[in-house]
Amino acid sequence: MPESLTRAVRWDTVVGALLIALLLLSFGCVDGFGNALNLSFLLGNTLPIALIALPMTLLVVADEIDLSVASTAGLSGAVMGRLWNEGMAIEQIIPLCLLLGVVCGLVNGLLVTRLGLPSLAVTIGTLAAYRGIAQIVLGSDAVTDFPSPYLEFAAGRVGDSFLPRAFLPFLVLLAIAVVLLHATPFGRSLFAIGAGEEAARFAGIRVKRTKLFLFVATGTMSALTGVFWALHYASARYDNATGLELSVVAAVLLGGIDFDGGKGTIGGAIAGVFLLGASQNVMSLLSVSAQSQIVVTGVLLVVSVLGPRVARQLAVARRSA
């Protein structure tokens, strides 16, 4: 098979094509999909997944995973609500929440890199721990009276367009992630670690330090997402973002990031994020139940794991034929 054709049928390219096809079909056949309010709603609801997907992509490329991201976001939102109730200024609260994310990521990273524990087991444990701490911090209260300018930024739109205001900073973070993974020695080191940790270590890559940085970055972005979630939905609760980790992992893997590490692109991950977000939006417009949407997300997660492997096996079979 010619090299150009091989690139054209890469899994992330297929996901991008599916996203375009879904959007075209939805604009033409689903009532209400194309209006500005719904498109803004779609992007706003997808942003929490997209924010965490950026560092999660780097982490999975390096053959690790963090399942505590939603609980970190929930803990960040709970601390934000508690501190706001205590009378602290929002300008002081947000940096403290980000620092909390650094600590959560540092705990995960140290347990994985220093004690040699598997990240899947570690972050399942911290998933429960961080959510429990969030409940202790805020209890069953819901804090809703945040300052209007922050609520308007998190939930408002740019002028009369459908673009959420918060989407513009996300584009900056997206550009940074693309450059970091695909145009720097650091990004190349992540692919090397994912392809073979021992070989990467012999090549002089500081594997443990790199992975620790990735866990800290993921925790920080999760905390930022928790702040955004509380402001976007105007409610800080201990159970904010519950289940978000499933959507993040499903979207990242759907975008062609190899669960075994060493392969993937930021573009594919973001295409997976918005394919998942658009699918959920369309199902909501078609009055599909929330339980059925969860089933669809689970199926997409299975497909995202099987699809790239089947595609690689077919490519190998063609080359050997």
Protein backbone atom coordinates (compact mmCIF):
# COMPACT_ATOMS: atom_id res chain seq x y z
CA MET A 1 0.00 0.00 0.00
CA PRO A 2 1.46 3.45 -0.87
CA GLU A 3 2.68 5.46 2.13
CA SER A 4 0.35 8.38 1.37
CA LEU A 5 -2.65 6.03 1.33
CA THR A 6 -1.50 4.44 4.59
CA ARG A 7 -1.45 7.86 6.27
CA ALA A 8 -4.89 8.63 4.83
CA VAL A 9 -6.48 5.64 6.53
CA ARG A 10 -4.89 6.19 9.94
CA TRP A 11 -7.35 5.76 12.77
CA ASP A 12 -7.25 9.41 13.82
CA THR A 13 -8.01 10.40 10.22
CA VAL A 14 -10.99 8.04 10.24
CA VAL A 15 -12.26 9.61 13.48
CA GLY A 16 -11.93 13.10 11.98
CA ALA A 17 -13.91 11.97 8.93
CA LEU A 18 -16.59 10.46 11.18
CA LEU A 19 -16.84 13.74 13.10
CA ILE A 20 -17.32 15.71 9.89
CA ALA A 21 -19.91 13.20 8.64
CA LEU A 22 -21.81 13.35 11.95
CA LEU A 23 -21.85 17.14 11.92
CA LEU A 24 -23.08 17.32 8.33
CA LEU A 25 -25.77 14.74 9.00
CA SER A 26 -26.85 16.48 12.21
CA PHE A 27 -27.06 19.91 10.59
CA GLY A 28 -29.28 18.47 7.88
CA CYS A 29 -31.45 16.01 9.79
CA VAL A 30 -31.62 16.89 13.50
CA ASP A 31 -33.98 19.71 14.45
CA GLY A 32 -32.33 22.41 16.51
CA PHE A 33 -28.78 21.11 16.15
CA GLY A 34 -27.53 24.03 14.04
CA ASN A 35 -28.85 26.94 16.08
CA ALA A 36 -26.32 29.09 17.93
CA LEU A 37 -27.68 28.25 21.38
CA ASN A 38 -27.34 24.50 20.88
CA LEU A 39 -23.86 24.76 19.32
CA SER A 40 -22.74 26.89 22.25
CA PHE A 41 -24.28 24.33 24.62
CA LEU A 42 -22.45 21.51 22.79
CA LEU A 43 -19.07 23.24 22.99
CA GLY A 44 -19.55 24.33 26.59
CA ASN A 45 -20.47 20.81 27.71
CA THR A 46 -17.56 19.31 25.77
CA LEU A 47 -14.94 21.72 27.09
CA PRO A 48 -14.40 19.89 30.43
CA ILE A 49 -13.62 16.69 28.52
CA ALA A 50 -11.40 18.54 26.06
CA LEU A 51 -9.41 20.33 28.78
CA ILE A 52 -8.50 17.12 30.59
CA ALA A 53 -7.96 15.26 27.31
CA LEU A 54 -4.93 17.45 26.52
CA PRO A 55 -2.66 16.24 29.37
CA MET A 56 -4.33 12.81 29.37
CA THR A 57 -3.19 12.34 25.77
CA LEU A 58 0.42 13.01 26.76
CA LEU A 59 0.06 10.66 29.71
CA VAL A 60 -1.38 7.78 27.68
CA VAL A 61 1.26 8.27 24.97
CA ALA A 62 3.81 7.71 27.77
CA ASP A 63 1.99 4.46 28.69
CA GLU A 64 0.28 5.71 31.87
CA ILE A 65 -3.27 6.71 32.77
CA ASP A 66 -5.05 8.80 35.40
CA LEU A 67 -8.58 7.75 36.37
CA SER A 68 -8.78 10.23 39.25
CA VAL A 69 -9.24 13.27 37.00
CA ALA A 70 -12.99 13.64 37.64
CA SER A 71 -12.55 13.28 41.39
CA THR A 72 -9.76 15.88 41.32
CA ALA A 73 -12.12 18.20 39.45
CA GLY A 74 -14.84 17.51 42.00
CA LEU A 75 -12.45 18.15 44.90
CA SER A 76 -11.31 21.41 43.30
CA GLY A 77 -14.92 22.55 42.92
CA ALA A 78 -15.75 21.55 46.50
CA VAL A 79 -12.78 23.49 47.90
CA MET A 80 -13.74 26.45 45.73
CA GLY A 81 -17.28 26.41 47.15
CA ARG A 82 -16.09 26.01 50.74
CA LEU A 83 -13.56 28.84 50.52
CA TRP A 84 -16.13 31.10 48.85
CA ASN A 85 -18.53 30.40 51.72
CA GLU A 86 -15.73 31.31 54.13
CA GLY A 87 -15.50 34.75 52.52
CA MET A 88 -12.28 34.38 50.51
CA ALA A 89 -11.97 36.35 47.28
CA ILE A 90 -12.42 34.36 44.06
CA GLU A 91 -9.08 35.71 42.79
CA GLN A 92 -7.37 33.97 45.69
CA ILE A 93 -9.47 30.82 45.51
CA ILE A 94 -8.68 29.88 41.91
CA PRO A 95 -4.86 29.76 42.36
CA LEU A 96 -5.35 27.70 45.53
CA CYS A 97 -7.53 25.24 43.59
CA LEU A 98 -4.85 24.93 40.92
CA LEU A 99 -2.26 24.32 43.65
CA LEU A 100 -4.54 21.60 45.01
CA GLY A 101 -4.50 20.01 41.55
CA VAL A 102 -0.70 20.07 41.62
CA VAL A 103 -0.76 18.24 44.96
CA CYS A 104 -3.25 15.62 43.72
CA GLY A 105 -1.18 15.00 40.60
CA LEU A 106 1.99 14.88 42.67
CA VAL A 107 0.52 12.20 44.94
CA ASN A 108 -0.43 10.07 41.93
CA GLY A 109 2.92 10.63 40.25
CA LEU A 110 5.02 9.82 43.29
CA LEU A 111 3.11 6.62 43.97
CA VAL A 112 3.66 5.52 40.37
CA THR A 113 7.22 6.70 39.77
CA ARG A 114 8.80 6.27 43.19
CA LEU A 115 7.00 3.21 44.51
CA GLY A 116 6.60 1.53 41.13
CA LEU A 117 2.84 1.02 41.50
CA PRO A 118 0.68 0.65 38.38
CA SER A 119 -1.05 3.91 37.50
CA LEU A 120 -4.37 2.15 36.84
CA ALA A 121 -4.51 0.80 40.42
CA VAL A 122 -3.17 3.99 42.01
CA THR A 123 -5.63 6.30 40.32
CA ILE A 124 -8.60 4.03 40.98
CA GLY A 125 -7.67 4.38 44.64
CA THR A 126 -7.23 8.16 44.51
CA LEU A 127 -10.45 8.42 42.49
CA ALA A 128 -12.31 7.21 45.58
CA ALA A 129 -10.10 9.11 48.03
CA TYR A 130 -10.34 12.51 46.36
CA ARG A 131 -14.11 12.19 45.97
CA GLY A 132 -14.44 11.26 49.63
CA ILE A 133 -12.36 14.28 50.68
CA ALA A 134 -14.55 16.49 48.49
CA GLN A 135 -17.63 15.27 50.36
CA ILE A 136 -15.94 15.95 53.71
CA VAL A 137 -14.98 19.47 52.59
CA LEU A 138 -18.39 20.59 51.31
CA GLY A 139 -20.87 17.96 52.44
CA SER A 140 -24.13 17.93 50.52
CA ASP A 141 -24.22 21.71 50.10
CA ALA A 142 -24.37 23.42 46.70
CA VAL A 143 -22.69 26.81 46.36
CA THR A 144 -24.19 28.93 43.60
CA ASP A 145 -23.59 32.62 44.34
CA PHE A 146 -20.26 33.12 42.57
CA PRO A 147 -19.41 36.56 41.08
CA SER A 148 -21.37 37.35 37.91
CA PRO A 149 -18.34 38.25 35.72
CA TYR A 150 -16.84 34.80 36.29
CA LEU A 151 -20.15 33.06 35.66
CA GLU A 152 -20.61 35.04 32.45
CA PHE A 153 -17.11 34.17 31.25
CA ALA A 154 -17.61 30.45 31.92
CA ALA A 155 -21.12 30.24 30.41
CA GLY A 156 -21.31 33.25 28.08
CA ARG A 157 -20.74 33.52 24.36
CA VAL A 158 -18.51 35.73 22.23
CA GLY A 159 -20.90 38.44 21.01
CA ASP A 160 -23.77 36.97 19.00
CA SER A 161 -21.75 33.96 17.87
CA PHE A 162 -22.08 30.38 19.08
CA LEU A 163 -18.52 30.31 20.47
CA PRO A 164 -18.28 30.15 24.27
CA ARG A 165 -15.92 32.72 25.76
CA ALA A 166 -14.00 29.95 27.51
CA PHE A 167 -13.33 28.28 24.15
CA LEU A 168 -10.72 30.89 23.23
CA PRO A 169 -8.35 30.10 26.14
CA PHE A 170 -8.84 26.42 25.33
CA LEU A 171 -7.53 27.04 21.80
CA VAL A 172 -4.37 28.52 23.33
CA LEU A 173 -3.92 25.44 25.54
CA LEU A 174 -4.58 23.22 22.51
CA ALA A 175 -1.87 24.98 20.50
CA ILE A 176 0.60 24.56 23.38
CA ALA A 177 -0.21 20.84 23.65
CA VAL A 178 0.22 20.32 19.89
CA VAL A 179 3.61 22.02 19.85
CA LEU A 180 4.72 20.24 23.03
CA LEU A 181 3.87 16.74 21.78
CA HIS A 182 4.66 17.02 18.09
CA ALA A 183 7.39 19.66 17.76
CA THR A 184 9.69 19.40 20.78
CA PRO A 185 12.26 16.94 22.15
CA PHE A 186 10.00 16.51 25.18
CA GLY A 187 7.21 15.22 22.94
CA ARG A 188 9.57 12.83 21.20
CA SER A 189 10.67 11.55 24.59
CA LEU A 190 7.05 10.71 25.44
CA PHE A 191 6.71 8.56 22.33
CA ALA A 192 10.02 6.89 23.18
CA ILE A 193 8.88 6.14 26.74
CA GLY A 194 5.59 4.72 25.51
CA ALA A 195 7.32 2.56 22.92
CA GLY A 196 9.81 1.12 25.43
CA GLU A 197 10.61 2.50 28.86
CA GLU A 198 13.90 0.65 29.27
CA ALA A 199 15.16 1.72 25.85
CA ALA A 200 14.16 5.31 26.62
CA ARG A 201 16.06 5.19 29.90
CA PHE A 202 19.18 3.88 28.16
CA ALA A 203 18.80 6.70 25.64
CA GLY A 204 19.20 9.19 28.48
CA ILE A 205 15.56 10.16 28.99
CA ARG A 206 14.60 10.96 32.58
CA VAL A 207 11.62 8.62 32.56
CA LYS A 208 10.47 9.01 36.17
CA ARG A 209 10.80 12.79 36.16
CA THR A 210 8.93 13.03 32.88
CA LYS A 211 6.06 10.87 34.10
CA LEU A 212 5.88 12.81 37.37
CA PHE A 213 5.55 16.04 35.39
CA LEU A 214 2.73 14.51 33.33
CA PHE A 215 0.77 13.46 36.42
CA VAL A 216 1.19 16.94 37.92
CA ALA A 217 0.05 18.55 34.65
CA THR A 218 -2.98 16.26 34.52
CA GLY A 219 -3.89 17.04 38.13
CA THR A 220 -3.52 20.78 37.53
CA MET A 221 -5.70 20.70 34.42
CA SER A 222 -8.28 18.60 36.26
CA ALA A 223 -8.42 21.21 39.03
CA LEU A 224 -8.82 23.96 36.43
CA THR A 225 -11.65 21.92 34.91
CA GLY A 226 -13.27 21.69 38.33
CA VAL A 227 -13.22 25.48 38.62
CA PHE A 228 -14.63 25.85 35.12
CA TRP A 229 -17.33 23.24 35.82
CA ALA A 230 -18.51 25.04 38.98
CA LEU A 231 -18.66 28.39 37.19
CA HIS A 232 -20.13 27.07 33.93
CA TYR A 233 -22.98 25.29 35.70
CA ALA A 234 -23.10 27.90 38.51
CA SER A 235 -22.91 25.19 41.16
CA ALA A 236 -20.07 23.85 43.29
CA ARG A 237 -20.87 20.41 44.70
CA TYR A 238 -18.73 17.54 45.90
CA ASP A 239 -20.14 15.30 43.14
CA ASN A 240 -19.35 17.68 40.27
CA ALA A 241 -17.89 15.93 37.21
CA THR A 242 -18.85 12.46 38.46
CA GLY A 243 -18.18 9.96 35.67
CA LEU A 244 -16.20 12.45 33.59
CA GLU A 245 -13.15 10.15 33.62
CA LEU A 246 -15.04 7.63 31.48
CA SER A 247 -15.79 10.26 28.85
CA VAL A 248 -12.20 11.52 28.85
CA VAL A 249 -10.67 8.05 28.47
CA ALA A 250 -13.25 7.06 25.85
CA ALA A 251 -12.62 10.22 23.82
CA VAL A 252 -8.82 9.95 24.00
CA LEU A 253 -8.77 6.29 23.01
CA LEU A 254 -11.43 6.89 20.36
CA GLY A 255 -9.07 9.47 18.87
CA GLY A 256 -6.45 6.79 18.21
CA ILE A 257 -4.21 7.17 21.26
CA ASP A 258 -2.80 3.69 21.81
CA PHE A 259 -3.58 2.34 25.29
CA ASP A 260 -0.19 0.58 25.22
CA GLY A 261 1.58 3.91 24.68
CA GLY A 262 3.90 5.22 22.00
CA LYS A 263 1.27 6.22 19.42
CA GLY A 264 -1.26 8.99 18.94
CA THR A 265 -1.82 12.63 18.04
CA ILE A 266 -3.41 15.60 19.79
CA GLY A 267 -5.54 16.14 16.68
CA GLY A 268 -6.93 12.62 16.90
CA ALA A 269 -7.68 13.00 20.60
CA ILE A 270 -9.56 16.27 20.09
CA ALA A 271 -11.47 14.77 17.16
CA GLY A 272 -12.46 11.93 19.51
CA VAL A 273 -13.53 14.43 22.17
CA PHE A 274 -15.82 16.33 19.84
CA LEU A 275 -17.12 13.18 18.15
CA LEU A 276 -18.19 11.95 21.57
CA GLY A 277 -19.58 15.36 22.54
CA ALA A 278 -21.52 15.76 19.30
CA SER A 279 -22.91 12.24 19.60
CA GLN A 280 -24.18 12.93 23.12
CA ASN A 281 -25.68 16.24 22.01
CA VAL A 282 -27.50 14.63 19.11
CA MET A 283 -28.82 11.86 21.36
CA SER A 284 -30.11 14.48 23.81
CA LEU A 285 -31.90 16.33 20.99
CA LEU A 286 -33.43 13.02 19.91
CA SER A 287 -34.62 12.40 23.51
CA VAL A 288 -32.38 9.38 24.03
CA SER A 289 -32.26 8.54 27.75
CA ALA A 290 -29.18 9.30 29.85
CA GLN A 291 -28.77 5.58 30.58
CA SER A 292 -28.69 4.80 26.86
CA GLN A 293 -26.11 7.53 26.32
CA ILE A 294 -23.88 5.89 28.92
CA VAL A 295 -24.25 2.59 27.05
CA VAL A 296 -23.21 4.29 23.80
CA THR A 297 -20.18 5.82 25.54
CA GLY A 298 -19.18 2.37 26.80
CA VAL A 299 -19.55 0.86 23.34
CA LEU A 300 -17.42 3.67 21.86
CA LEU A 301 -14.77 2.95 24.48
CA VAL A 302 -14.63 -0.71 23.43
CA VAL A 303 -14.56 0.26 19.74
CA SER A 304 -11.79 2.79 20.41
CA VAL A 305 -9.61 0.05 21.88
CA LEU A 306 -10.39 -2.58 19.24
CA GLY A 307 -10.51 -0.32 16.18
CA PRO A 308 -6.85 0.76 15.96
CA ARG A 309 -5.67 -2.79 16.71
CA VAL A 310 -7.83 -4.26 13.95
CA ALA A 311 -6.64 -1.52 11.58
CA ARG A 312 -2.99 -2.32 12.35
CA GLN A 313 -3.55 -6.03 11.87
CA LEU A 314 -5.18 -5.39 8.50
CA ALA A 315 -2.28 -3.13 7.47
CA VAL A 316 0.24 -5.83 8.46
CA ALA A 317 -1.76 -8.44 6.53
CA ARG A 318 -1.75 -6.24 3.42
CA ARG A 319 1.98 -5.63 3.60
CA SER A 320 2.71 -9.32 3.98
CA ALA A 321 0.34 -10.32 1.17
